Amino acid sequence: MKEWKVRSLVIGTGLGALVGAATAFLLIRQAEKTNKRPQITAAHGVNISLGIISLIRQFLEMNTGKE
């Protein structure tokens, strides 16, 4: 594997972990303020997944020149 591939994997993994940890931290903080346990439904999961897929597609389209 070439150096840029390894670097891309390491940076992507690190950023994904940081975003996940920050999201969990904010969710916990909000739950503590409201004294309510977070209610995450399957519909929330689907909406979040579709948003993430859309974001990934936008990154991939950056290299192809599509808009």
N, C-alpha and C. Protein backbone atom coordinates (compact mmCIF):
# COMPACT_ATOMS: atom_id res chain seq x y z
N MET A 1 0.85 -1.17 0.00
CA MET A 1 0.00 0.00 0.00
C MET A 1 0.90 1.24 0.00
N LYS A 2 0.49 2.21 -0.74
CA LYS A 2 1.28 3.43 -0.81
C LYS A 2 1.05 4.30 0.42
N GLU A 3 1.98 5.20 0.66
CA GLU A 3 1.93 6.03 1.86
C GLU A 3 0.65 6.86 1.95
N TRP A 4 0.18 7.42 0.84
CA TRP A 4 -1.02 8.26 0.88
C TRP A 4 -2.26 7.46 1.23
N LYS A 5 -2.26 6.17 0.87
CA LYS A 5 -3.41 5.34 1.21
C LYS A 5 -3.45 5.08 2.71
N VAL A 6 -2.31 4.77 3.27
CA VAL A 6 -2.24 4.53 4.72
C VAL A 6 -2.60 5.79 5.47
N ARG A 7 -2.05 6.91 5.03
CA ARG A 7 -2.34 8.19 5.68
C ARG A 7 -3.84 8.51 5.61
N SER A 8 -4.44 8.26 4.45
CA SER A 8 -5.88 8.51 4.30
C SER A 8 -6.70 7.64 5.24
N LEU A 9 -6.32 6.37 5.37
CA LEU A 9 -7.04 5.48 6.27
C LEU A 9 -6.90 5.90 7.73
N VAL A 10 -5.70 6.28 8.12
CA VAL A 10 -5.45 6.68 9.51
C VAL A 10 -6.21 7.97 9.83
N ILE A 11 -6.13 8.95 8.94
CA ILE A 11 -6.83 10.22 9.17
C ILE A 11 -8.34 10.02 9.18
N GLY A 12 -8.86 9.24 8.23
CA GLY A 12 -10.30 8.99 8.19
C GLY A 12 -10.80 8.27 9.42
N THR A 13 -10.03 7.29 9.87
CA THR A 13 -10.41 6.54 11.08
C THR A 13 -10.39 7.45 12.30
N GLY A 14 -9.35 8.25 12.40
CA GLY A 14 -9.24 9.17 13.54
C GLY A 14 -10.36 10.19 13.57
N LEU A 15 -10.65 10.77 12.40
CA LEU A 15 -11.74 11.76 12.35
C LEU A 15 -13.09 11.13 12.66
N GLY A 16 -13.31 9.92 12.16
CA GLY A 16 -14.56 9.22 12.45
C GLY A 16 -14.73 8.95 13.94
N ALA A 17 -13.64 8.54 14.57
CA ALA A 17 -13.69 8.28 16.02
C ALA A 17 -13.94 9.56 16.80
N LEU A 18 -13.28 10.65 16.40
CA LEU A 18 -13.48 11.92 17.10
C LEU A 18 -14.91 12.43 16.94
N VAL A 19 -15.45 12.32 15.74
CA VAL A 19 -16.83 12.78 15.52
C VAL A 19 -17.81 11.92 16.32
N GLY A 20 -17.58 10.62 16.35
CA GLY A 20 -18.44 9.73 17.13
C GLY A 20 -18.39 10.03 18.62
N ALA A 21 -17.18 10.25 19.13
CA ALA A 21 -17.03 10.56 20.56
C ALA A 21 -17.66 11.91 20.89
N ALA A 22 -17.49 12.90 20.02
CA ALA A 22 -18.09 14.21 20.27
C ALA A 22 -19.61 14.13 20.24
N THR A 23 -20.13 13.34 19.33
CA THR A 23 -21.59 13.17 19.26
C THR A 23 -22.13 12.52 20.53
N ALA A 24 -21.46 11.47 20.99
CA ALA A 24 -21.88 10.80 22.22
C ALA A 24 -21.80 11.74 23.41
N PHE A 25 -20.72 12.54 23.47
CA PHE A 25 -20.56 13.50 24.56
C PHE A 25 -21.72 14.51 24.57
N LEU A 26 -22.06 15.04 23.41
CA LEU A 26 -23.15 16.01 23.33
C LEU A 26 -24.50 15.38 23.68
N LEU A 27 -24.70 14.14 23.26
CA LEU A 27 -25.94 13.43 23.58
C LEU A 27 -26.06 13.22 25.09
N ILE A 28 -24.97 12.82 25.72
CA ILE A 28 -24.96 12.62 27.17
C ILE A 28 -25.20 13.94 27.90
N ARG A 29 -24.53 14.99 27.44
CA ARG A 29 -24.69 16.31 28.08
C ARG A 29 -26.13 16.80 28.00
N GLN A 30 -26.75 16.61 26.83
CA GLN A 30 -28.15 17.02 26.67
C GLN A 30 -29.06 16.21 27.59
N ALA A 31 -28.79 14.91 27.70
CA ALA A 31 -29.60 14.05 28.57
C ALA A 31 -29.46 14.47 30.03
N GLU A 32 -28.26 14.87 30.43
CA GLU A 32 -28.07 15.30 31.82
C GLU A 32 -28.79 16.61 32.10
N LYS A 33 -28.83 17.51 31.12
CA LYS A 33 -29.53 18.79 31.33
C LYS A 33 -31.03 18.60 31.46
N THR A 34 -31.58 17.68 30.67
CA THR A 34 -33.03 17.49 30.67
C THR A 34 -33.48 16.40 31.64
N ASN A 35 -32.51 15.69 32.24
CA ASN A 35 -32.81 14.56 33.11
C ASN A 35 -33.69 13.52 32.44
N LYS A 36 -33.50 13.35 31.14
CA LYS A 36 -34.24 12.34 30.38
C LYS A 36 -33.25 11.49 29.61
N ARG A 37 -33.54 10.20 29.59
CA ARG A 37 -32.71 9.29 28.81
C ARG A 37 -32.98 9.51 27.32
N PRO A 38 -31.94 9.52 26.48
CA PRO A 38 -32.16 9.74 25.04
C PRO A 38 -33.03 8.65 24.44
N GLN A 39 -33.96 9.06 23.62
CA GLN A 39 -34.85 8.12 22.94
C GLN A 39 -34.49 8.10 21.46
N ILE A 40 -33.63 7.17 21.10
CA ILE A 40 -33.21 7.05 19.70
C ILE A 40 -33.98 5.89 19.09
N THR A 41 -34.77 6.21 18.08
CA THR A 41 -35.60 5.19 17.44
C THR A 41 -34.94 4.70 16.16
N ALA A 42 -35.55 3.67 15.57
CA ALA A 42 -35.05 3.15 14.30
C ALA A 42 -35.15 4.22 13.21
N ALA A 43 -36.19 5.04 13.26
CA ALA A 43 -36.35 6.11 12.28
C ALA A 43 -35.21 7.12 12.39
N HIS A 44 -34.80 7.43 13.61
CA HIS A 44 -33.65 8.33 13.81
C HIS A 44 -32.39 7.71 13.19
N GLY A 45 -32.21 6.42 13.42
CA GLY A 45 -31.04 5.73 12.88
C GLY A 45 -31.02 5.76 11.36
N VAL A 46 -32.17 5.55 10.75
CA VAL A 46 -32.25 5.59 9.28
C VAL A 46 -31.94 6.99 8.77
N ASN A 47 -32.50 8.00 9.40
CA ASN A 47 -32.24 9.38 8.96
C ASN A 47 -30.77 9.75 9.10
N ILE A 48 -30.15 9.35 10.19
CA ILE A 48 -28.74 9.64 10.39
C ILE A 48 -27.90 8.89 9.35
N SER A 49 -28.23 7.63 9.11
CA SER A 49 -27.50 6.85 8.12
C SER A 49 -27.59 7.46 6.73
N LEU A 50 -28.77 7.91 6.34
CA LEU A 50 -28.93 8.53 5.03
C LEU A 50 -28.13 9.83 4.93
N GLY A 51 -28.08 10.58 6.01
CA GLY A 51 -27.28 11.80 6.02
C GLY A 51 -25.80 11.50 5.87
N ILE A 52 -25.33 10.47 6.55
CA ILE A 52 -23.91 10.08 6.46
C ILE A 52 -23.58 9.60 5.05
N ILE A 53 -24.47 8.80 4.47
CA ILE A 53 -24.26 8.32 3.09
C ILE A 53 -24.21 9.49 2.13
N SER A 54 -25.08 10.46 2.31
CA SER A 54 -25.07 11.65 1.45
C SER A 54 -23.76 12.41 1.59
N LEU A 55 -23.27 12.55 2.80
CA LEU A 55 -22.00 13.24 3.03
C LEU A 55 -20.84 12.50 2.35
N ILE A 56 -20.82 11.18 2.47
CA ILE A 56 -19.77 10.39 1.84
C ILE A 56 -19.83 10.54 0.32
N ARG A 57 -21.02 10.52 -0.25
CA ARG A 57 -21.16 10.71 -1.71
C ARG A 57 -20.62 12.06 -2.14
N GLN A 58 -20.85 13.10 -1.34
CA GLN A 58 -20.32 14.42 -1.68
C GLN A 58 -18.80 14.42 -1.67
N PHE A 59 -18.19 13.74 -0.73
CA PHE A 59 -16.73 13.64 -0.70
C PHE A 59 -16.22 12.91 -1.94
N LEU A 60 -16.90 11.82 -2.31
CA LEU A 60 -16.46 11.06 -3.47
C LEU A 60 -16.62 11.84 -4.77
N GLU A 61 -17.65 12.67 -4.85
CA GLU A 61 -17.87 13.46 -6.06
C GLU A 61 -16.90 14.62 -6.19
N MET A 62 -16.18 14.97 -5.13
CA MET A 62 -15.21 16.05 -5.21
C MET A 62 -14.12 15.73 -6.23
N ASN A 63 -13.73 14.47 -6.33
CA ASN A 63 -12.66 14.07 -7.24
C ASN A 63 -13.13 13.88 -8.67
N THR A 64 -14.42 13.71 -8.89
CA THR A 64 -14.90 13.47 -10.25
C THR A 64 -15.30 14.75 -10.96
N GLY A 65 -15.44 15.84 -10.24
CA GLY A 65 -15.81 17.10 -10.86
C GLY A 65 -17.31 17.26 -11.04
N LYS A 66 -18.11 16.28 -10.58
CA LYS A 66 -19.56 16.39 -10.66
C LYS A 66 -20.07 17.40 -9.64
N GLU A 67 -21.25 17.93 -9.91
CA GLU A 67 -21.89 18.81 -8.93
C GLU A 67 -23.32 18.47 -8.76
